Every structure is written in C-alpha cells, then in structure tokens.
Amino acid sequence: MKVPGLLGFGIIGFNMKDCPNIPGVERGGSFFKGLRIEEVQEIWALRKRVEFSEKGADLYIISKDRVNFLPSMPVLGVSEENTAKQPIWKPRVDPVSGAVITSRWENKSQAVTIDPTKFVAFGGMRFTPGIDLADIPKTWKIKVLVPQEVSDGIEAAMRQQNEIAHDYTEGTGVEHSRVEEALRAVYFLSEKFVGNEVKGSGDIDVLSQRAESYLRIHGLMKPRDTVWKKVANYTRRAAAKDSMNRINPMISRVLARAAYLGAVERELVGVEVKDKARKVYDYLDGVRTVTRLQIVLARDILGRMCGFDGRVADIQVFRDSQPTATVKEGWEIGQVLKVVSETVLREVQPAPYLAPATIARFLLTGSAYHPSGAVTRLVEERLKVCNMENLLALPSADRSLRDRKTIPALEKIRYAFDVLKAVINDPETGDTKIF
C-alpha cells in the first residue's frame, strides 16, 4: 500500500520509481559510499569552511534596553547626517561623554525561545517588519547584537580590539589554541574507536576521565558560548557508554564527528572575530589619527596667533600686549576663533579628546559657536561630565574681544591652548596596543 504525497525513507509503500529524475541530482543517497565516518567528517568540515563566510543570520536581534543604540548613537568618524547609511560593525560614540561603543555578535541557542518582551528584531535574511519573535522556527540561525561601551575612549577601544584579535591569532591566541586542542582531543577519541582499542569498561572509563580533564583544563565544563557547549556535550558523550549502558564504537565515532564539526565551527567563528577586530582596530586608528591632527591644528593656530611657547605672536595686539583692541581687530580675531571652534574642533567625537575640545570651544566662542538651543544643552552636558560646568558663567574670548578687552581674551585663549596641548602630550593617549 502506498501513501500518496509522502516522500522519504522508511515510509511504507514508497517506491523510488515514483521519484522523477532530476538533472544533476543523484538518487539513492550514496554520496559518501565507501568512506569512513572520519573521512565524511573532513568533507563536511571542508564544506563548512567554504560556506561559512557566505552565510548570514536568519534574524538579527538586540536587547530592548539597548534598542536606541543604532538610531541614536552617532557613528564614530562619520557626520551625523550619514549615520543611518553606515554598516553595523563601525563603532558608535556617545555624543556627551565621548565613550566609544563597539559591538559583538552572540549566537542565540536554537533551544532557547526568544522573549519578545526583552528583544526586538532589526534585520536578517528572514526579517520582516512586525515579525513575532515568540514564533520563530527552531532551525533559524539567530544572532544577538551586543553593544559594549568603552568609557575611556578611542585608545582603550583600540586596545580592546587588539586583544581580541590576538586571542584568535594562530600560534599566540588563547581561543585559537583552545580550538586546536579541541580538534586534537576529538581526533584522539576517534582514533581509539577506529583502532578498536576500546574493549571494556576500564578503557571507556579512562577515555571519559581524559575527556573530562580536557574540558576542565580549557574551561569548557560549563561553557557560555553555544558552539563550545555543543563541542563539550558531544565530546562527553563520545567518551561514554550509550543510553543502554553499552560500549558502542559506531555511536561514539558519530558523536566525535559532531564534536569535531563543532570545533570547526568555532574555528571559523574565531577567524571571523579576528578579522572583524582587525578591521575595527584599523578604523579606530584612522579616526584617532584625524582627531589628533584636528587637536594639533587648533593648538598650533592658537599658539601662532598669540605667541605661546616662545613663538612671536602673529596678531599685533597680542604681540604688543595691548590692553584693548579696535573693533576691527576684535572682529578679525573673533573670526579666527570661530574657524578653530566651528571648523577644526567641531568634528572631534571620541574621549579622551571630546572633553578638551569642548572646553576649548567654549572658552573661545562660548555658546555663540552654535545658536541652536539643543546644541547648547549638549555642550552644557559635556561640560558637566568633565566637571567644568563653572565655565558656563564665564564670558568667552570672543565676547571679551567684542568688548575690546584683549587681556581677558588672551587668558581664555591661553587656557584653551593649554588644554589642547595637555591631551596631545598625555602619555596615556599613546597606548593603542596590548600585544
């Protein structure tokens, strides 16, 4: 008796003749005929390596308490109007504190139901607006975007990425070494069964103890990472008796193969993480270089204009230490200060450079450097973060020049110059690598 409409192995009445010939498709399932399990394992591992970089996640999600991360945080090194067009891997920056915000991906376990009250979807190959997270198929590959705030700023973020890349680098990295040890351990287990060396309970007990020892040494007894969970689980089961308390070499070899493929997956994740960390590091390095050039340019303009650090002042009223300036002189100096504030220092985003740039801008032009009330409030918040809100009560250098008072103006400009000079000379801003 045939069951119409059902195709598959083990269905009563199914006849292979009922299956039409499809060009390019081999019938009978004999793709790996004559190959050992371990040889099939290598074929699948090769396929996994080839296909890994081409596969995105079915769904990308983010915790609801960080859902404002993407739309509200400016992209580091990018003008505000272009933020929405930037890729997710580019670091964001807190516009008030200058903290650099990097991100990482976590694979969501397929066995865990996603709580729609805690997460929101924002992309992926199967993403659709209004998708119900409580009804996601268990087979979907889901990645969680996890923002990480680096409060100390851009150099600290660079050190973070340098350390991540090092951990996944061949020959030196902790994570890379762990993968190599996992592959070696699983290969050892497989060979014991292939060589028919496991003959009794004593042999399986020794294997089990060695597997447990390996997992403990490499911190995998209770792993948090979903891929390592698979590797640890399959390794344990490969070195144990089956569900009927028997030594079953075939089952153990299959489980060892599953552990091996899990380790290969972790290897590929490591390559992806390492490459991303290097890309982020290079990006941060470029932003840092431009930021420091902006600070140095502003410092040098002020230094030449006023004659700081042994220079001869370019501006006569400062060169001659005149207590007052003409209206024309005050206006001309004010225009230079506005260029420094509005053009040179305006694009400075990350800590530890944002606070000195904000202090310098306020000393030079005050709230006049932007008439918008919203921007003025942002400047006030930045000054409060660095405990410099007392500046809000002081007139700027530009204001003093409008009143034709050159000495108070020069004092403000000198303060701004010293603040910019200090952050450039700070030895902590020179540490961008750990390894």
Protein backbone atom coordinates (compact mmCIF):
# COMPACT_ATOMS: atom_id res chain seq x y z
CA MET A 1 0.00 0.00 0.00
CA LYS A 2 1.29 3.42 -0.94
CA VAL A 3 0.80 6.65 0.96
CA PRO A 4 0.33 9.32 -1.72
CA GLY A 5 2.18 12.62 -1.36
CA LEU A 6 4.78 11.42 1.15
CA LEU A 7 8.39 11.09 0.04
CA GLY A 8 11.14 9.84 2.32
CA PHE A 9 12.94 6.87 3.73
CA GLY A 10 11.07 4.35 5.83
CA ILE A 11 7.58 5.26 4.56
CA ILE A 12 5.55 2.16 3.76
CA GLY A 13 4.84 1.79 0.09
CA PHE A 14 7.34 4.38 -1.06
CA ASN A 15 8.78 3.38 -4.43
CA MET A 16 11.94 5.01 -5.79
CA LYS A 17 10.42 4.68 -9.27
CA ASP A 18 7.83 7.26 -8.21
CA CYS A 19 10.60 9.84 -7.81
CA PRO A 20 11.25 11.66 -11.11
CA ASN A 21 14.74 12.01 -12.47
CA ILE A 22 16.09 15.49 -11.74
CA PRO A 23 19.08 16.67 -13.81
CA GLY A 24 22.21 16.95 -11.67
CA VAL A 25 20.69 15.11 -8.69
CA GLU A 26 21.99 11.66 -7.71
CA ARG A 27 19.39 9.20 -6.46
CA GLY A 28 19.86 6.65 -3.74
CA GLY A 29 21.78 8.67 -1.13
CA SER A 30 25.15 7.05 -1.91
CA PHE A 31 27.12 10.31 -1.85
CA PHE A 32 29.66 9.06 0.70
CA LYS A 33 29.56 5.38 -0.13
CA GLY A 34 32.72 3.55 0.90
CA LEU A 35 34.03 6.36 3.10
CA ARG A 36 34.76 6.12 6.81
CA ILE A 37 32.83 8.36 9.20
CA GLU A 38 36.04 10.29 9.84
CA GLU A 39 36.52 10.86 6.09
CA VAL A 40 32.96 12.10 5.74
CA GLN A 41 33.66 14.36 8.72
CA GLU A 42 36.52 16.02 6.81
CA ILE A 43 34.31 16.54 3.75
CA TRP A 44 31.63 18.23 5.84
CA ALA A 45 34.27 20.30 7.65
CA LEU A 46 35.61 21.48 4.28
CA ARG A 47 32.12 22.41 3.14
CA LYS A 48 31.53 24.28 6.39
CA ARG A 49 34.76 26.25 5.93
CA VAL A 50 33.90 27.14 2.33
CA GLU A 51 30.29 28.13 3.03
CA PHE A 52 30.75 29.84 6.40
CA SER A 53 31.65 33.30 5.09
CA GLU A 54 28.71 33.27 2.67
CA LYS A 55 26.06 32.65 5.31
CA GLY A 56 24.37 35.45 7.22
CA ALA A 57 21.96 35.02 10.08
CA ASP A 58 18.28 34.43 9.50
CA LEU A 59 17.49 37.05 12.11
CA TYR A 60 19.38 39.79 13.92
CA ILE A 61 18.03 40.89 17.28
CA ILE A 62 19.02 43.34 20.00
CA SER A 63 18.04 43.73 23.64
CA LYS A 64 15.25 46.27 24.11
CA ASP A 65 17.25 48.15 26.72
CA ARG A 66 19.86 48.85 24.00
CA VAL A 67 17.44 49.34 21.13
CA ASN A 68 18.34 53.05 20.87
CA PHE A 69 21.95 52.10 20.14
CA LEU A 70 21.58 52.00 16.36
CA PRO A 71 19.42 55.06 15.63
CA SER A 72 20.54 57.43 18.40
CA MET A 73 24.29 56.92 18.70
CA PRO A 74 26.40 58.72 16.08
CA VAL A 75 28.82 56.61 14.08
CA LEU A 76 32.39 57.39 15.05
CA GLY A 77 34.20 59.29 12.31
CA VAL A 78 31.04 59.93 10.29
CA SER A 79 28.98 63.12 10.02
CA GLU A 80 25.58 62.91 11.71
CA GLU A 81 23.55 63.08 8.50
CA ASN A 82 25.23 59.90 7.17
CA THR A 83 24.86 57.74 10.30
CA ALA A 84 21.91 55.69 9.05
CA LYS A 85 23.81 54.53 5.97
CA GLN A 86 26.74 53.01 7.86
CA PRO A 87 27.40 49.28 8.44
CA ILE A 88 26.77 47.85 11.90
CA TRP A 89 30.42 46.91 12.52
CA LYS A 90 31.52 50.55 12.65
CA PRO A 91 31.88 51.80 16.25
CA ARG A 92 29.41 54.31 17.65
CA VAL A 93 30.21 57.15 20.03
CA ASP A 94 28.34 58.66 22.98
CA PRO A 95 27.82 62.32 21.98
CA VAL A 96 28.04 63.51 25.59
CA SER A 97 30.87 61.52 27.17
CA GLY A 98 32.78 60.51 24.04
CA ALA A 99 32.73 56.87 25.12
CA VAL A 100 33.38 54.59 22.15
CA ILE A 101 30.79 51.86 21.65
CA THR A 102 31.92 48.73 19.86
CA SER A 103 29.72 45.71 19.27
CA ARG A 104 29.94 41.94 19.14
CA TRP A 105 27.62 39.17 18.00
CA GLU A 106 26.33 36.33 20.14
CA ASN A 107 24.74 33.25 18.60
CA LYS A 108 21.37 32.61 20.20
CA SER A 109 20.87 28.99 21.12
CA GLN A 110 18.24 27.34 18.95
CA ALA A 111 16.87 25.57 22.01
CA VAL A 112 16.03 28.88 23.73
CA THR A 113 12.77 30.66 22.97
CA ILE A 114 13.27 34.37 22.37
CA ASP A 115 11.35 36.56 24.80
CA PRO A 116 9.59 39.29 22.74
CA THR A 117 9.43 41.49 25.84
CA LYS A 118 13.24 41.58 26.03
CA PHE A 119 14.38 41.58 22.40
CA VAL A 120 13.49 43.28 19.13
CA ALA A 121 14.40 42.17 15.60
CA PHE A 122 16.03 44.63 13.19
CA GLY A 123 17.39 42.62 10.24
CA GLY A 124 18.47 39.31 8.78
CA MET A 125 17.76 37.18 5.73
CA ARG A 126 14.29 36.23 7.00
CA PHE A 127 13.44 39.50 8.75
CA THR A 128 10.06 41.08 8.07
CA PRO A 129 8.59 44.11 9.86
CA GLY A 130 6.43 43.10 12.81
CA ILE A 131 7.89 39.57 12.98
CA ASP A 132 6.67 37.59 16.01
CA LEU A 133 9.77 36.57 18.00
CA ALA A 134 7.75 34.07 20.01
CA ASP A 135 7.02 32.11 16.84
CA ILE A 136 10.49 31.77 15.33
CA PRO A 137 11.36 28.31 13.93
CA LYS A 138 13.99 26.50 15.98
CA THR A 139 16.04 25.92 12.83
CA TRP A 140 16.71 29.62 12.27
CA LYS A 141 20.19 30.99 12.88
CA ILE A 142 19.79 33.98 15.19
CA LYS A 143 22.44 36.49 16.23
CA VAL A 144 22.21 38.99 19.08
CA LEU A 145 23.92 42.36 18.69
CA VAL A 146 25.64 43.27 21.96
CA PRO A 147 26.92 46.87 22.24
CA GLN A 148 29.95 47.36 24.53
CA GLU A 149 30.76 50.80 25.92
CA VAL A 150 34.44 51.68 26.28
CA SER A 151 34.24 54.71 28.57
CA ASP A 152 37.97 55.54 28.45
CA GLY A 153 37.73 56.33 24.77
CA ILE A 154 39.34 55.53 21.48
CA GLU A 155 42.76 54.26 22.63
CA ALA A 156 41.09 51.91 25.12
CA ALA A 157 38.79 50.67 22.33
CA MET A 158 41.83 50.04 20.14
CA ARG A 159 43.49 48.03 22.92
CA GLN A 160 40.26 46.04 23.28
CA GLN A 161 40.22 45.13 19.59
CA ASN A 162 43.96 44.38 19.61
CA GLU A 163 43.47 41.93 22.48
CA ILE A 164 40.54 40.24 20.73
CA ALA A 165 42.50 39.82 17.50
CA HIS A 166 45.46 38.42 19.47
CA ASP A 167 43.27 35.86 21.26
CA TYR A 168 42.16 34.44 17.92
CA THR A 169 45.54 34.60 16.16
CA GLU A 170 47.25 31.37 15.15
CA GLY A 171 50.19 30.43 17.33
CA THR A 172 49.58 33.03 20.04
CA GLY A 173 45.88 33.36 20.77
CA VAL A 174 44.15 31.68 23.69
CA GLU A 175 40.97 30.97 21.72
CA HIS A 176 42.88 29.65 18.71
CA SER A 177 44.86 27.31 20.98
CA ARG A 178 41.63 26.09 22.52
CA VAL A 179 40.26 25.19 19.08
CA GLU A 180 43.45 23.34 18.19
CA GLU A 181 43.31 21.37 21.43
CA ALA A 182 39.64 20.54 20.83
CA LEU A 183 40.37 19.18 17.37
CA ARG A 184 43.31 17.21 18.74
CA ALA A 185 41.23 15.72 21.58
CA VAL A 186 38.37 14.71 19.31
CA TYR A 187 40.79 13.15 16.83
CA PHE A 188 42.34 11.17 19.68
CA LEU A 189 38.91 9.86 20.72
CA SER A 190 38.03 8.86 17.17
CA GLU A 191 41.29 7.02 16.66
CA LYS A 192 40.79 4.97 19.82
CA PHE A 193 37.50 3.64 18.48
CA VAL A 194 38.67 3.27 14.88
CA GLY A 195 41.67 1.29 16.08
CA ASN A 196 39.43 -0.97 18.17
CA GLU A 197 41.37 -0.04 21.32
CA VAL A 198 38.23 0.38 23.45
CA LYS A 199 37.30 -3.13 24.54
CA GLY A 200 35.90 -2.87 28.05
CA SER A 201 34.51 -0.63 30.77
CA GLY A 202 38.02 0.17 32.03
CA ASP A 203 39.00 1.57 28.62
CA ILE A 204 35.87 3.71 28.31
CA ASP A 205 36.35 5.00 31.87
CA VAL A 206 39.90 6.10 31.05
CA LEU A 207 38.67 7.87 27.92
CA SER A 208 35.87 9.54 29.87
CA GLN A 209 38.32 10.80 32.50
CA ARG A 210 40.66 12.17 29.84
CA ALA A 211 37.79 13.94 28.06
CA GLU A 212 36.58 15.46 31.34
CA SER A 213 40.12 16.55 32.19
CA TYR A 214 40.46 18.23 28.79
CA LEU A 215 37.16 20.06 29.22
CA ARG A 216 38.12 21.24 32.71
CA ILE A 217 41.60 22.44 31.67
CA HIS A 218 40.14 24.51 28.84
CA GLY A 219 37.25 25.92 30.85
CA LEU A 220 34.58 24.01 28.96
CA MET A 221 32.84 22.15 31.77
CA LYS A 222 30.15 24.86 31.84
CA PRO A 223 30.76 26.93 28.71
CA ARG A 224 28.63 30.00 27.96
CA ASP A 225 29.31 30.03 24.23
CA THR A 226 26.71 27.97 22.33
CA VAL A 227 29.25 26.42 19.93
CA TRP A 228 31.55 25.33 22.75
CA LYS A 229 28.51 23.87 24.52
CA LYS A 230 28.00 21.59 21.52
CA VAL A 231 31.67 20.60 21.43
CA ALA A 232 31.71 19.82 25.17
CA ASN A 233 28.44 17.88 25.03
CA TYR A 234 29.44 15.71 22.07
CA THR A 235 32.92 15.11 23.48
CA ARG A 236 31.48 13.89 26.78
CA ARG A 237 29.01 11.61 25.04
CA ALA A 238 31.62 10.25 22.61
CA ALA A 239 33.71 9.11 25.57
CA ALA A 240 30.84 7.40 27.40
CA LYS A 241 28.58 4.38 27.10
CA ASP A 242 25.38 4.67 25.11
CA SER A 243 21.85 5.00 26.51
CA MET A 244 21.71 1.22 27.10
CA ASN A 245 24.99 1.30 29.06
CA ARG A 246 26.92 -0.38 26.25
CA ILE A 247 30.19 0.47 24.55
CA ASN A 248 29.11 1.42 21.04
CA PRO A 249 32.08 2.39 18.84
CA MET A 250 29.89 3.50 15.94
CA ILE A 251 27.84 5.88 18.09
CA SER A 252 31.00 7.22 19.72
CA ARG A 253 32.59 7.88 16.33
CA VAL A 254 29.47 9.73 15.13
CA LEU A 255 29.43 11.82 18.30
CA ALA A 256 33.14 12.53 17.94
CA ARG A 257 32.44 13.67 14.38
CA ALA A 258 29.76 16.04 15.71
CA ALA A 259 32.23 17.42 18.25
CA TYR A 260 34.81 17.84 15.50
CA LEU A 261 32.40 19.82 13.32
CA GLY A 262 31.50 21.95 16.34
CA ALA A 263 35.18 22.75 16.86
CA VAL A 264 35.50 23.60 13.16
CA GLU A 265 32.55 25.97 13.53
CA ARG A 266 34.26 27.61 16.50
CA GLU A 267 37.43 27.87 14.42
CA LEU A 268 35.50 29.72 11.72
CA VAL A 269 33.84 31.99 14.27
CA GLY A 270 37.32 32.76 15.58
CA VAL A 271 38.55 33.72 12.11
CA GLU A 272 35.52 35.96 11.66
CA VAL A 273 36.05 37.57 15.09
CA LYS A 274 39.76 38.10 14.43
CA ASP A 275 39.14 39.68 11.02
CA LYS A 276 36.43 41.96 12.41
CA ALA A 277 38.64 43.02 15.34
CA ARG A 278 41.46 43.92 12.97
CA LYS A 279 39.09 45.85 10.72
CA VAL A 280 37.64 47.78 13.68
CA TYR A 281 41.15 48.45 15.02
CA ASP A 282 42.27 49.89 11.66
CA TYR A 283 39.13 52.03 11.50
CA LEU A 284 39.69 53.35 15.03
CA ASP A 285 43.32 54.04 14.17
CA GLY A 286 42.24 56.18 11.23
CA VAL A 287 39.71 58.13 13.31
CA ARG A 288 42.29 58.65 16.07
CA THR A 289 44.85 59.98 13.59
CA VAL A 290 42.39 62.52 12.16
CA THR A 291 41.21 63.51 15.66
CA ARG A 292 44.72 64.17 16.90
CA LEU A 293 45.52 66.17 13.75
CA GLN A 294 42.46 68.33 14.45
CA ILE A 295 43.59 68.95 18.02
CA VAL A 296 47.18 69.72 16.94
CA LEU A 297 45.97 72.08 14.19
CA ALA A 298 43.78 74.01 16.64
CA ARG A 299 46.61 74.18 19.16
CA ASP A 300 49.09 75.47 16.59
CA ILE A 301 46.71 78.13 15.22
CA LEU A 302 46.19 79.50 18.73
CA GLY A 303 49.90 79.26 19.53
CA ARG A 304 50.98 81.17 16.43
CA MET A 305 48.23 83.76 16.76
CA CYS A 306 49.04 84.61 20.38
CA GLY A 307 52.75 83.79 20.58
CA PHE A 308 52.56 80.90 23.05
CA ASP A 309 55.51 78.58 23.77
CA GLY A 310 58.16 81.10 22.76
CA ARG A 311 56.61 81.99 19.41
CA VAL A 312 56.28 85.53 18.10
CA ALA A 313 52.58 86.38 18.01
CA ASP A 314 51.07 86.83 14.55
CA ILE A 315 48.45 89.26 15.91
CA GLN A 316 49.85 92.70 16.74
CA VAL A 317 47.61 93.43 19.74
CA PHE A 318 48.91 90.23 21.37
CA ARG A 319 52.47 90.82 20.20
CA ASP A 320 52.47 94.32 21.72
CA SER A 321 50.46 93.23 24.80
CA GLN A 322 47.91 95.94 24.11
CA PRO A 323 45.13 96.02 26.77
CA THR A 324 42.48 96.99 24.24
CA ALA A 325 41.75 96.28 20.61
CA THR A 326 39.90 98.20 17.94
CA VAL A 327 36.51 96.95 16.82
CA LYS A 328 38.07 95.78 13.54
CA GLU A 329 40.89 93.94 15.34
CA GLY A 330 38.48 92.29 17.74
CA TRP A 331 36.24 91.17 14.86
CA GLU A 332 39.17 89.73 12.86
CA ILE A 333 40.50 87.77 15.86
CA GLY A 334 36.98 86.56 16.61
CA GLN A 335 36.67 85.17 13.08
CA VAL A 336 39.83 83.10 13.58
CA LEU A 337 38.48 81.78 16.89
CA LYS A 338 35.22 80.79 15.20
CA VAL A 339 37.12 78.88 12.49
CA VAL A 340 39.03 76.97 15.18
CA SER A 341 35.85 76.26 17.11
CA GLU A 342 33.40 75.62 14.28
CA THR A 343 35.60 74.03 11.64
CA VAL A 344 38.67 72.50 13.26
CA LEU A 345 37.35 71.21 16.61
CA ARG A 346 33.72 70.62 15.72
CA GLU A 347 34.25 67.09 14.34
CA VAL A 348 36.11 65.82 17.40
CA GLN A 349 33.98 62.96 18.78
CA PRO A 350 35.73 60.40 20.99
CA ALA A 351 37.10 60.52 24.50
CA PRO A 352 39.65 61.47 25.73
CA TYR A 353 39.66 64.26 23.11
CA LEU A 354 35.99 65.33 23.24
CA ALA A 355 36.18 66.99 26.68
CA PRO A 356 39.31 69.12 25.93
CA ALA A 357 37.85 70.09 22.54
CA THR A 358 34.55 71.09 24.17
CA ILE A 359 36.33 73.12 26.87
CA ALA A 360 38.47 74.86 24.25
CA ARG A 361 35.48 75.65 22.05
CA PHE A 362 33.52 77.11 24.93
CA LEU A 363 36.49 79.21 26.09
CA LEU A 364 37.00 80.53 22.58
CA THR A 365 33.46 81.28 21.44
CA GLY A 366 31.11 80.17 24.23
CA SER A 367 27.56 79.19 23.36
CA ALA A 368 27.88 81.51 20.38
CA TYR A 369 29.66 78.73 18.48
CA HIS A 370 26.23 77.33 17.75
CA PRO A 371 22.95 79.25 18.12
CA SER A 372 20.84 76.10 18.45
CA GLY A 373 19.39 75.64 21.92
CA ALA A 374 19.65 71.84 21.61
CA VAL A 375 23.36 72.03 20.82
CA THR A 376 23.92 74.48 23.67
CA ARG A 377 22.32 71.97 26.05
CA LEU A 378 24.59 69.25 24.66
CA VAL A 379 27.64 71.43 25.35
CA GLU A 380 26.40 72.02 28.89
CA GLU A 381 26.01 68.27 29.41
CA ARG A 382 29.54 67.65 28.12
CA LEU A 383 30.98 70.27 30.47
CA LYS A 384 29.14 68.71 33.40
CA VAL A 385 30.54 65.26 32.55
CA CYS A 386 34.10 66.61 32.88
CA ASN A 387 33.22 68.76 35.94
CA MET A 388 33.81 72.02 34.08
CA GLU A 389 30.29 73.46 34.26
CA ASN A 390 31.77 76.53 36.03
CA LEU A 391 32.82 77.70 32.56
CA LEU A 392 29.18 78.35 31.74
CA ALA A 393 29.27 81.50 33.88
CA LEU A 394 32.38 82.95 32.20
CA PRO A 395 32.44 85.16 29.11
CA SER A 396 34.28 83.66 26.15
CA ALA A 397 37.36 85.10 24.47
CA ASP A 398 35.16 86.19 21.57
CA ARG A 399 32.86 88.02 23.99
CA SER A 400 35.81 89.82 25.61
CA LEU A 401 37.12 90.88 22.19
CA ARG A 402 33.75 92.33 21.30
CA ASP A 403 34.13 94.39 24.45
CA ARG A 404 37.65 95.32 23.18
CA LYS A 405 39.32 93.67 26.21
CA THR A 406 42.36 91.79 24.93
CA ILE A 407 43.87 90.65 28.25
CA PRO A 408 40.82 88.59 29.42
CA ALA A 409 40.53 87.25 25.85
CA LEU A 410 44.17 86.21 25.83
CA GLU A 411 43.73 84.40 29.16
CA LYS A 412 40.85 82.35 27.73
CA ILE A 413 42.79 81.55 24.56
CA ARG A 414 45.81 80.52 26.63
CA TYR A 415 43.63 78.19 28.72
CA ALA A 416 42.21 76.61 25.58
CA PHE A 417 45.72 76.21 24.14
CA ASP A 418 46.98 74.51 27.33
CA VAL A 419 44.02 72.10 27.45
CA LEU A 420 44.59 71.00 23.85
CA LYS A 421 48.33 70.72 24.37
CA ALA A 422 47.86 68.61 27.51
CA VAL A 423 45.69 65.95 25.87
CA ILE A 424 48.12 65.57 22.94
CA ASN A 425 51.07 65.21 25.31
CA ASP A 426 49.28 62.85 27.71
CA PRO A 427 51.30 59.57 27.64
CA GLU A 428 48.14 57.51 28.16
CA THR A 429 46.88 58.57 24.73
CA GLY A 430 49.89 56.86 23.17
CA ASP A 431 48.98 53.31 24.27
CA THR A 432 46.97 51.77 21.45
CA LYS A 433 48.10 48.12 21.67
CA ILE A 434 48.50 45.44 24.30
CA PHE A 435 50.36 42.95 22.09
